[in-house]
């Protein structure tokens, strides 16, 4: 079978799950939890129903509440029952690199060496459109399998990487934010653009994809070390011209990185000031990491209404340090959770929350499960300024939600049988769950991917490059008999 025909078959397969809900309202029934505010600020900032009903109409939330009460209101509604399950808003990943999935868990380096040894060779493959489509399909299927319904995503320096990503995300009707990497120095020559080409390419992509359906664009300098002052100024000019796009980059991740940025921009007062001087610190600016930030920089981020993506598994894997979440909150900085794959070691938000708890423990602080799941849902939406659309189950919000299997593994089942409070049950999930716990993922009210344990829908994807020739093999297993 030709590569193109194989892509078309997979595209049709994915597309079979994407139609909008256009008929009568439908509902899901089970345990339901969502947040209406930060639980650290007010203990009652969540709503929970042991037997709840979530009603969806035309891809949006229509109603929510106790099942018995709402059944009288909607006597003939079609209901999907989810026993032994917890229904929550979909997870929001505020920082991830989709091309880096194929080099996740690469051994032995810290940030700058890791980029040169693993990241740049991998990203060079994404100049090829069919290769990028392959990677985008696999990445998006993995997000759905892990219960992530929205993500803020790095492409590569190539326009093709972003076109391929948005093409596949649009087919799935997902609310996604992405952008082309800007990088004009300190990297491989085949991965460099220029201030002029970066501006032109980004503008073209903004015009083509920003606000197309549920898609949004992010101006995406990799970080100050790989962008000249001229390129950052160009990015600021673009941000001024399109003031409703996102800005997405890295900030103060690693001590050596901070020192290098200081040497490259001696006139600036610090790492964040490099971006601030270029006009890149504002509402809808999201900075990954912020591990090495000063108090003054936290204050500047808060005043600008910008956000930090807390990336626990990545910070630990690369040895970058411990993010100071209490300090960010002291200054009122928006914070979301990021997987930061491929330095991050899992696309599972459960895994990120697990490591976030440990990072707080190492600082003699606590991260409650209520706060953790808030950061992964409504908190993430607020950090992206998308809380009018996603993040909880308020009426008229987009119906992106997940079903968590409370019997996903024997250990989870055994542990939860010995738990008597919601707090403890959530904490056990935060520590023990992974992708196996996602029973179903709904996008705009549509069951986008069924899960049936080991006999369910399984994607396998291998993308290889041999000089200029790329070949792709995508296998789909529907059950043990196929």
Protein backbone atom coordinates (compact mmCIF):
# COMPACT_ATOMS: atom_id res chain seq x y z
CA UNK A 1 0.00 0.00 0.00
CA UNK A 2 1.35 3.43 -0.88
CA UNK A 3 2.21 5.93 1.84
CA UNK A 4 -0.46 8.37 0.65
CA UNK A 5 -3.20 5.71 0.58
CA UNK A 6 -2.20 4.56 4.04
CA UNK A 7 -2.48 8.11 5.35
CA UNK A 8 -5.91 8.46 3.76
CA UNK A 9 -7.15 5.29 5.43
CA UNK A 10 -6.01 6.45 8.83
CA UNK A 11 -7.47 9.91 8.23
CA UNK A 12 -10.85 8.38 7.40
CA UNK A 13 -10.60 6.17 10.48
CA UNK A 14 -9.89 9.13 12.76
CA UNK A 15 -12.54 11.18 11.04
CA UNK A 16 -15.15 8.56 11.81
CA UNK A 17 -15.16 9.77 15.40
CA UNK A 18 -15.38 13.49 14.68
CA UNK A 19 -18.93 14.54 13.75
CA UNK A 20 -20.65 17.09 15.97
CA UNK A 21 -23.62 16.14 18.10
CA UNK A 22 -26.41 17.67 16.05
CA UNK A 23 -29.56 15.90 17.22
CA UNK A 24 -31.44 15.90 20.50
CA UNK A 25 -29.58 16.47 23.80
CA UNK A 26 -27.77 13.47 25.24
CA UNK A 27 -26.34 12.79 28.68
CA UNK A 28 -23.73 10.81 30.60
CA UNK A 29 -24.39 9.51 34.09
CA UNK A 30 -21.97 8.62 36.86
CA UNK A 31 -19.88 10.28 39.54
CA UNK A 32 -19.16 13.84 38.39
CA UNK A 33 -16.58 16.36 39.63
CA UNK A 34 -15.60 19.80 38.41
CA UNK A 35 -14.18 23.01 39.84
CA UNK A 36 -15.79 26.45 39.92
CA UNK A 37 -12.75 28.18 41.40
CA UNK A 38 -9.39 27.64 43.09
CA UNK A 39 -9.95 25.21 45.98
CA UNK A 40 -7.04 26.74 47.89
CA UNK A 41 -8.90 30.04 48.01
CA UNK A 42 -12.25 28.57 49.01
CA UNK A 43 -12.80 24.98 50.05
CA UNK A 44 -16.23 24.89 48.39
CA UNK A 45 -14.84 25.73 44.95
CA UNK A 46 -15.76 22.33 43.54
CA UNK A 47 -18.99 20.49 42.83
CA UNK A 48 -19.37 16.73 43.17
CA UNK A 49 -22.27 14.37 42.58
CA UNK A 50 -22.10 10.74 43.58
CA UNK A 51 -24.81 10.08 40.99
CA UNK A 52 -24.71 12.96 38.55
CA UNK A 53 -26.04 13.71 35.09
CA UNK A 54 -24.17 15.83 32.53
CA UNK A 55 -26.44 16.95 29.68
CA UNK A 56 -24.90 17.95 26.35
CA UNK A 57 -26.49 19.62 23.34
CA UNK A 58 -24.80 20.57 20.06
CA UNK A 59 -21.34 20.07 21.52
CA UNK A 60 -21.89 22.26 24.58
CA UNK A 61 -22.93 21.82 28.19
CA UNK A 62 -26.68 22.17 28.60
CA UNK A 63 -27.22 21.08 32.20
CA UNK A 64 -25.55 19.45 35.18
CA UNK A 65 -26.71 18.13 38.52
CA UNK A 66 -28.12 15.28 40.54
CA UNK A 67 -29.27 12.53 38.23
CA UNK A 68 -32.59 11.83 39.89
CA UNK A 69 -33.60 15.50 39.75
CA UNK A 70 -32.57 16.00 36.13
CA UNK A 71 -34.24 12.82 34.92
CA UNK A 72 -37.58 14.47 35.62
CA UNK A 73 -36.49 17.47 33.57
CA UNK A 74 -35.29 15.35 30.62
CA UNK A 75 -37.55 12.27 30.71
CA UNK A 76 -36.74 10.97 27.22
CA UNK A 77 -33.06 11.82 26.97
CA UNK A 78 -30.56 9.19 25.78
CA UNK A 79 -28.16 8.43 28.64
CA UNK A 80 -24.79 6.68 28.57
CA UNK A 81 -24.18 5.10 31.96
CA UNK A 82 -20.67 5.03 33.44
CA UNK A 83 -20.71 2.96 36.64
CA UNK A 84 -17.54 2.78 38.74
CA UNK A 85 -16.28 5.88 36.94
CA UNK A 86 -15.59 9.55 37.58
CA UNK A 87 -16.56 12.10 34.92
CA UNK A 88 -14.38 15.24 34.84
CA UNK A 89 -13.51 18.02 32.38
CA UNK A 90 -10.78 17.04 29.94
CA UNK A 91 -7.19 17.64 31.00
CA UNK A 92 -5.38 20.72 29.67
CA UNK A 93 -1.67 20.44 28.84
CA UNK A 94 -0.16 23.94 28.85
CA UNK A 95 3.21 23.03 27.34
CA UNK A 96 4.20 20.11 25.08
CA UNK A 97 6.32 19.47 21.95
CA UNK A 98 4.47 17.15 19.58
CA UNK A 99 7.51 16.24 17.38
CA UNK A 100 9.45 15.16 20.46
CA UNK A 101 7.17 12.25 21.31
CA UNK A 102 9.37 9.96 19.24
CA UNK A 103 12.46 10.76 21.34
CA UNK A 104 10.83 10.74 24.77
CA UNK A 105 12.96 9.11 27.49
CA UNK A 106 16.31 9.95 25.88
CA UNK A 107 19.13 9.21 28.28
CA UNK A 108 21.65 11.18 30.17
CA UNK A 109 21.74 14.90 29.38
CA UNK A 110 20.70 18.22 30.82
CA UNK A 111 18.88 20.86 28.82
CA UNK A 112 21.40 22.30 26.35
CA UNK A 113 23.21 19.03 25.64
CA UNK A 114 19.85 17.24 25.38
CA UNK A 115 18.67 19.70 22.71
CA UNK A 116 21.73 19.17 20.56
CA UNK A 117 21.97 15.42 20.96
CA UNK A 118 18.31 14.41 20.72
CA UNK A 119 15.87 17.23 20.00
CA UNK A 120 17.35 18.94 16.96
CA UNK A 121 18.01 15.72 14.97
CA UNK A 122 14.42 14.61 15.64
CA UNK A 123 12.85 17.93 14.69
CA UNK A 124 14.77 18.08 11.41
CA UNK A 125 12.49 15.31 10.06
CA UNK A 126 9.40 17.53 10.23
CA UNK A 127 10.21 19.42 7.06
CA UNK A 128 8.44 16.54 5.33
CA UNK A 129 4.65 16.96 5.31
CA UNK A 130 3.75 13.26 5.34
CA UNK A 131 6.21 12.58 8.14
CA UNK A 132 4.72 15.48 10.11
CA UNK A 133 1.20 14.16 9.53
CA UNK A 134 2.28 10.79 10.86
CA UNK A 135 3.74 12.37 13.99
CA UNK A 136 0.73 14.64 14.50
CA UNK A 137 -1.71 11.73 14.23
CA UNK A 138 0.16 9.67 16.74
CA UNK A 139 0.54 12.60 19.15
CA UNK A 140 -3.15 13.50 19.03
CA UNK A 141 -4.24 9.90 19.47
CA UNK A 142 -1.97 9.68 22.51
CA UNK A 143 -3.44 12.87 23.97
CA UNK A 144 -6.93 11.42 23.63
CA UNK A 145 -5.83 8.14 25.14
CA UNK A 146 -4.48 10.07 28.12
CA UNK A 147 -7.57 12.23 28.56
CA UNK A 148 -6.02 15.48 27.31
CA UNK A 149 -8.50 17.48 25.27
CA UNK A 150 -6.63 20.80 24.90
CA UNK A 151 -2.91 21.50 24.62
CA UNK A 152 -0.52 24.38 23.93
CA UNK A 153 1.88 22.80 21.46
CA UNK A 154 5.30 23.46 19.95
CA UNK A 155 5.79 22.47 16.32
CA UNK A 156 9.21 22.74 14.71
CA UNK A 157 10.82 25.54 12.70
CA UNK A 158 9.08 24.17 9.60
CA UNK A 159 5.71 25.50 8.46
CA UNK A 160 4.83 21.96 7.43
CA UNK A 161 4.92 20.82 11.06
CA UNK A 162 2.20 23.33 12.00
CA UNK A 163 0.07 22.77 8.90
CA UNK A 164 0.16 19.03 9.55
CA UNK A 165 -0.72 19.44 13.20
CA UNK A 166 -3.63 21.80 12.68
CA UNK A 167 -4.95 19.69 9.80
CA UNK A 168 -5.21 16.65 12.06
CA UNK A 169 -6.51 18.58 15.09
CA UNK A 170 -9.21 20.16 12.93
CA UNK A 171 -10.32 16.72 11.72
CA UNK A 172 -10.81 15.73 15.37
CA UNK A 173 -12.53 19.04 16.24
CA UNK A 174 -10.10 19.57 19.14
CA UNK A 175 -9.40 22.92 20.79
CA UNK A 176 -5.68 23.17 20.17
CA UNK A 177 -3.10 25.96 20.23
CA UNK A 178 0.15 25.62 18.30
CA UNK A 179 2.85 27.55 16.50
CA UNK A 180 5.94 27.39 14.32
CA UNK A 181 9.22 27.55 16.23
CA UNK A 182 11.29 30.72 15.70
CA UNK A 183 15.02 29.99 15.87
CA UNK A 184 17.71 31.93 14.03
CA UNK A 185 20.90 31.03 15.93
CA UNK A 186 22.65 28.48 18.17
CA UNK A 187 21.15 25.43 16.47
CA UNK A 188 21.73 23.20 13.43
CA UNK A 189 21.82 25.13 10.17
CA UNK A 190 18.96 23.11 8.72
CA UNK A 191 16.76 24.23 11.63
CA UNK A 192 17.43 27.95 11.42
CA UNK A 193 15.10 30.56 9.99
CA UNK A 194 15.65 34.32 9.85
CA UNK A 195 13.78 37.22 11.42
CA UNK A 196 12.25 37.99 8.04
CA UNK A 197 11.26 34.43 7.13
CA UNK A 198 9.97 33.74 10.65
CA UNK A 199 7.73 36.79 10.45
CA UNK A 200 6.40 35.88 7.00
CA UNK A 201 5.85 32.21 7.84
CA UNK A 202 4.17 32.95 11.16
CA UNK A 203 1.90 35.54 9.62
CA UNK A 204 0.86 33.13 6.89
CA UNK A 205 0.07 30.44 9.46
CA UNK A 206 -1.90 32.88 11.61
CA UNK A 207 -3.99 33.89 8.64
CA UNK A 208 -4.60 30.26 7.70
CA UNK A 209 -5.32 28.69 11.11
CA UNK A 210 -5.98 31.16 13.94
CA UNK A 211 -9.61 30.89 15.07
CA UNK A 212 -10.39 28.37 12.36
CA UNK A 213 -12.94 26.22 14.15
CA UNK A 214 -11.49 25.54 17.58
CA UNK A 215 -7.86 26.17 16.59
CA UNK A 216 -5.69 29.00 17.91
CA UNK A 217 -2.19 30.20 17.04
CA UNK A 218 0.82 30.86 19.26
CA UNK A 219 3.88 32.91 18.29
CA UNK A 220 6.60 30.49 19.37
CA UNK A 221 10.25 31.53 19.88
CA UNK A 222 11.99 28.42 21.20
CA UNK A 223 13.81 30.47 23.83
CA UNK A 224 16.01 33.54 24.03
CA UNK A 225 19.19 31.50 23.54
CA UNK A 226 18.13 30.50 20.00
CA UNK A 227 16.53 33.78 18.90
CA UNK A 228 18.43 36.97 18.19
CA UNK A 229 17.27 40.34 19.50
CA UNK A 230 16.13 41.10 15.94
CA UNK A 231 13.99 37.98 15.77
CA UNK A 232 12.42 38.60 19.19
CA UNK A 233 11.63 42.17 18.13
CA UNK A 234 9.99 40.77 15.00
CA UNK A 235 7.94 38.39 17.15
CA UNK A 236 6.87 41.36 19.27
CA UNK A 237 5.82 43.25 16.15
CA UNK A 238 3.75 40.28 15.04
CA UNK A 239 2.18 40.05 18.49
CA UNK A 240 1.22 43.71 18.28
CA UNK A 241 -0.39 43.19 14.88
CA UNK A 242 -2.34 40.13 16.07
CA UNK A 243 -3.06 40.91 19.70
CA UNK A 244 -5.39 37.95 20.24
CA UNK A 245 -2.83 35.24 19.41
CA UNK A 246 -0.83 33.44 22.09
CA UNK A 247 2.87 33.78 22.86
CA UNK A 248 4.56 30.53 23.88
CA UNK A 249 8.19 30.07 24.85
CA UNK A 250 10.59 28.80 27.52
CA UNK A 251 11.83 30.80 30.49
CA UNK A 252 14.42 30.24 33.23
CA UNK A 253 14.43 26.47 33.08
CA UNK A 254 18.06 25.66 33.75
CA UNK A 255 20.86 27.52 35.58
CA UNK A 256 23.29 27.23 32.64
CA UNK A 257 20.59 28.43 30.25
CA UNK A 258 19.93 31.51 32.41
CA UNK A 259 23.65 32.34 32.44
CA UNK A 260 23.92 31.98 28.66
CA UNK A 261 20.93 34.26 28.07
CA UNK A 262 22.51 36.84 30.38
CA UNK A 263 25.72 36.73 28.33
CA UNK A 264 23.80 37.11 25.05
CA UNK A 265 21.65 40.02 26.29
CA UNK A 266 23.93 41.97 28.67
CA UNK A 267 21.84 45.14 28.40
CA UNK A 268 18.75 43.43 29.77
CA UNK A 269 17.95 43.19 33.49
CA UNK A 270 17.23 39.48 33.44
CA UNK A 271 15.85 36.60 31.38
CA UNK A 272 12.23 37.77 31.50
CA UNK A 273 13.29 41.30 30.62
CA UNK A 274 14.61 39.98 27.29
CA UNK A 275 11.06 39.00 26.37
CA UNK A 276 9.51 42.04 28.02
CA UNK A 277 11.74 44.40 26.04
CA UNK A 278 10.57 42.68 22.83
CA UNK A 279 6.90 43.10 23.72
CA UNK A 280 6.31 39.43 24.43
CA UNK A 281 5.10 39.58 28.05
CA UNK A 282 1.37 40.15 28.13
CA UNK A 283 -2.02 38.46 28.49
CA UNK A 284 -1.97 35.08 26.70
CA UNK A 285 1.82 34.79 27.10
CA UNK A 286 2.67 31.36 28.47
CA UNK A 287 6.19 30.68 29.71
CA UNK A 288 7.24 27.09 30.30
CA UNK A 289 9.13 26.26 33.50
CA UNK A 290 10.09 29.43 35.41
CA UNK A 291 12.20 27.31 37.77
CA UNK A 292 14.88 29.96 38.29
CA UNK A 293 12.69 33.09 38.44
CA UNK A 294 13.34 36.01 40.78
CA UNK A 295 10.68 37.71 42.89
CA UNK A 296 10.76 40.69 40.56
CA UNK A 297 10.11 38.42 37.57
CA UNK A 298 7.15 36.77 39.30
CA UNK A 299 5.76 40.23 39.96
CA UNK A 300 6.19 41.26 36.32
CA UNK A 301 4.40 38.14 35.09
CA UNK A 302 1.48 38.79 37.45
CA UNK A 303 1.18 42.42 36.38
CA UNK A 304 1.16 41.36 32.72
CA UNK A 305 -1.53 38.70 33.35
CA UNK A 306 0.88 36.14 31.84
CA UNK A 307 1.15 32.49 32.86
CA UNK A 308 3.68 29.81 33.76
CA UNK A 309 3.44 26.19 32.69
CA UNK A 310 4.62 24.00 35.56
CA UNK A 311 6.31 20.96 33.98
CA UNK A 312 7.14 18.53 36.81
CA UNK A 313 8.33 15.43 34.96
CA UNK A 314 10.54 17.46 32.65
CA UNK A 315 12.12 19.52 35.44
CA UNK A 316 13.03 16.35 37.30
CA UNK A 317 14.17 14.40 34.22
CA UNK A 318 16.57 17.13 33.06
CA UNK A 319 17.64 18.03 36.59
CA UNK A 320 16.51 21.62 36.10
CA UNK A 321 15.23 22.24 39.63
CA UNK A 322 12.05 22.59 41.67
CA UNK A 323 9.36 25.03 40.58
CA UNK A 324 8.16 27.28 43.40
CA UNK A 325 4.38 27.05 43.04
CA UNK A 326 3.67 28.85 46.35
CA UNK A 327 5.79 31.80 45.20
CA UNK A 328 3.91 32.02 41.92
CA UNK A 329 0.64 32.01 43.81
CA UNK A 330 1.91 34.57 46.30
CA UNK A 331 2.31 37.00 43.40
CA UNK A 332 -0.90 35.93 41.67
CA UNK A 333 0.68 34.37 38.57
CA UNK A 334 -1.55 32.03 36.53
CA UNK A 335 -0.18 28.46 36.56
CA UNK A 336 -1.13 25.44 34.46
CA UNK A 337 0.32 21.94 34.21
CA UNK A 338 2.52 20.96 31.27
CA UNK A 339 3.82 17.55 30.29
CA UNK A 340 6.72 19.06 28.27
CA UNK A 341 7.18 15.83 26.33
CA UNK A 342 9.84 14.90 25.13
CA UNK A 343 11.87 16.08 28.16
CA UNK A 344 8.76 15.23 30.12
CA UNK A 345 8.41 11.51 30.55
CA UNK A 346 4.67 11.00 30.05
CA UNK A 347 1.68 12.53 28.29
CA UNK A 348 -0.45 11.43 31.24
CA UNK A 349 -1.62 14.32 33.40
CA UNK A 350 -1.89 11.86 36.28
CA UNK A 351 1.89 11.32 36.00
CA UNK A 352 2.52 15.09 35.93
CA UNK A 353 0.42 15.61 39.06
CA UNK A 354 2.19 12.71 40.75
CA UNK A 355 5.58 14.38 40.21
CA UNK A 356 4.22 17.83 41.08
CA UNK A 357 3.25 16.49 44.50
CA UNK A 358 6.79 15.19 45.03
CA UNK A 359 8.33 18.50 43.94
CA UNK A 360 6.23 20.24 46.56
CA UNK A 361 7.22 17.66 49.17
CA UNK A 362 10.90 18.33 48.50
CA UNK A 363 10.21 21.98 49.32
CA UNK A 364 8.35 21.05 52.54
CA UNK A 365 5.04 22.13 50.95
CA UNK A 366 1.81 20.31 50.16
CA UNK A 367 -0.18 19.91 46.96
CA UNK A 368 -3.71 18.72 47.68
CA UNK A 369 -5.48 16.55 45.10
CA UNK A 370 -8.21 19.18 44.81
CA UNK A 371 -5.63 21.80 43.88
CA UNK A 372 -3.84 19.41 41.54
CA UNK A 373 -6.93 18.50 39.51
CA UNK A 374 -7.97 22.16 39.49
CA UNK A 375 -4.61 23.06 37.89
CA UNK A 376 -5.14 20.32 35.30
CA UNK A 377 -8.61 21.57 34.34
CA UNK A 378 -10.03 25.00 35.21
CA UNK A 379 -6.65 26.34 36.36
CA UNK A 380 -5.13 25.37 33.02
CA UNK A 381 -8.02 27.01 31.18
CA UNK A 382 -7.54 30.21 33.18
CA UNK A 383 -3.81 30.25 32.49
CA UNK A 384 -4.65 30.11 28.76
CA UNK A 385 -7.48 32.66 29.08
CA UNK A 386 -9.84 30.00 27.72
CA UNK A 387 -11.98 29.56 30.83
CA UNK A 388 -14.96 31.09 29.02
CA UNK A 389 -14.85 28.05 26.71
CA UNK A 390 -13.40 25.07 28.59
CA UNK A 391 -12.20 23.93 32.00
CA UNK A 392 -15.42 23.02 33.81
CA UNK A 393 -19.07 22.12 33.24
CA UNK A 394 -20.69 25.53 33.36
CA UNK A 395 -23.64 25.93 30.99
CA UNK A 396 -22.73 26.71 27.36
CA UNK A 397 -19.07 25.73 27.71
CA UNK A 398 -17.62 23.30 25.21
CA UNK A 399 -18.32 19.71 26.21
CA UNK A 400 -14.79 18.31 26.38
CA UNK A 401 -14.69 15.73 29.15
CA UNK A 402 -13.25 12.42 30.22
CA UNK A 403 -14.43 9.30 32.02
CA UNK A 404 -11.96 7.94 34.59
CA UNK A 405 -12.20 4.22 35.33
CA UNK A 406 -12.13 3.72 39.09
CA UNK A 407 -11.34 0.05 38.58
CA UNK A 408 -8.70 0.59 35.90
CA UNK A 409 -6.13 -1.63 37.61
CA UNK A 410 -6.41 -4.14 40.44
CA UNK A 411 -4.30 -1.85 42.62
CA UNK A 412 -6.49 1.22 41.99
CA UNK A 413 -9.62 -0.83 42.64
CA UNK A 414 -8.17 -2.30 45.85
CA UNK A 415 -6.95 1.09 47.08
CA UNK A 416 -10.23 2.89 46.40
CA UNK A 417 -12.24 0.18 48.16
CA UNK A 418 -10.34 1.23 51.27
CA UNK A 419 -10.99 4.94 50.84
CA UNK A 420 -13.89 6.80 52.44
CA UNK A 421 -13.40 10.44 51.36
CA UNK A 422 -13.33 12.20 47.99
CA UNK A 423 -10.04 13.84 48.97
CA UNK A 424 -8.37 10.49 49.57
CA UNK A 425 -9.82 8.90 46.43
CA UNK A 426 -8.56 11.76 44.26
CA UNK A 427 -5.14 11.56 45.87
CA UNK A 428 -4.96 7.84 45.19
CA UNK A 429 -5.81 8.47 41.52
CA UNK A 430 -3.20 11.22 41.39
CA UNK A 431 -0.56 8.79 42.64
CA UNK A 432 -1.61 5.55 40.95
CA UNK A 433 -3.44 6.33 37.69
CA UNK A 434 -2.09 6.62 34.17
CA UNK A 435 -3.46 6.23 30.64
CA UNK A 436 -5.15 2.94 31.59
CA UNK A 437 -7.57 4.91 33.79
CA UNK A 438 -9.05 6.86 30.86
CA UNK A 439 -12.17 4.93 29.91
CA UNK A 440 -13.50 7.47 27.39
CA UNK A 441 -12.67 10.89 25.98
CA UNK A 442 -15.36 13.23 24.64
CA UNK A 443 -14.64 16.14 22.31
CA UNK A 444 -17.45 18.69 21.88
CA UNK A 445 -19.88 16.16 23.30
CA UNK A 446 -18.81 13.38 20.95
CA UNK A 447 -17.23 10.14 22.13
CA UNK A 448 -14.04 10.54 20.19
CA UNK A 449 -12.30 7.35 21.12
CA UNK A 450 -13.63 4.19 22.79
CA UNK A 451 -11.41 2.31 25.23
CA UNK A 452 -11.84 -1.35 26.03
CA UNK A 453 -8.70 -2.25 27.91
CA UNK A 454 -6.25 -4.60 26.17
CA UNK A 455 -8.79 -5.51 23.48
CA UNK A 456 -9.69 -1.90 22.67
CA UNK A 457 -8.57 0.47 19.99
CA UNK A 458 -4.80 0.53 19.77
CA UNK A 459 -2.67 2.83 17.66
CA UNK A 460 0.90 1.98 16.84
CA UNK A 461 3.00 4.36 14.83
CA UNK A 462 6.56 4.19 13.58
CA UNK A 463 8.15 7.03 11.66
CA UNK A 464 11.62 6.44 10.29
CA UNK A 465 13.96 8.48 8.14
CA UNK A 466 16.77 7.18 5.99
CA UNK A 467 18.50 10.19 4.47
CA UNK A 468 15.81 11.78 2.28
CA UNK A 469 13.46 8.79 2.32
CA UNK A 470 10.80 8.59 5.00
CA UNK A 471 8.57 5.58 5.42
CA UNK A 472 5.63 5.26 7.75
CA UNK A 473 3.83 2.27 9.18
CA UNK A 474 0.61 2.77 11.10
CA UNK A 475 -1.10 -0.26 12.54
CA UNK A 476 -4.59 -0.43 14.02
CA UNK A 477 -5.67 -3.30 16.19
CA UNK A 478 -9.37 -3.48 16.94
CA UNK A 479 -9.46 -6.74 18.88
CA UNK A 480 -7.51 -9.92 19.43
CA UNK A 481 -9.14 -11.60 16.44
CA UNK A 482 -7.87 -9.05 13.87
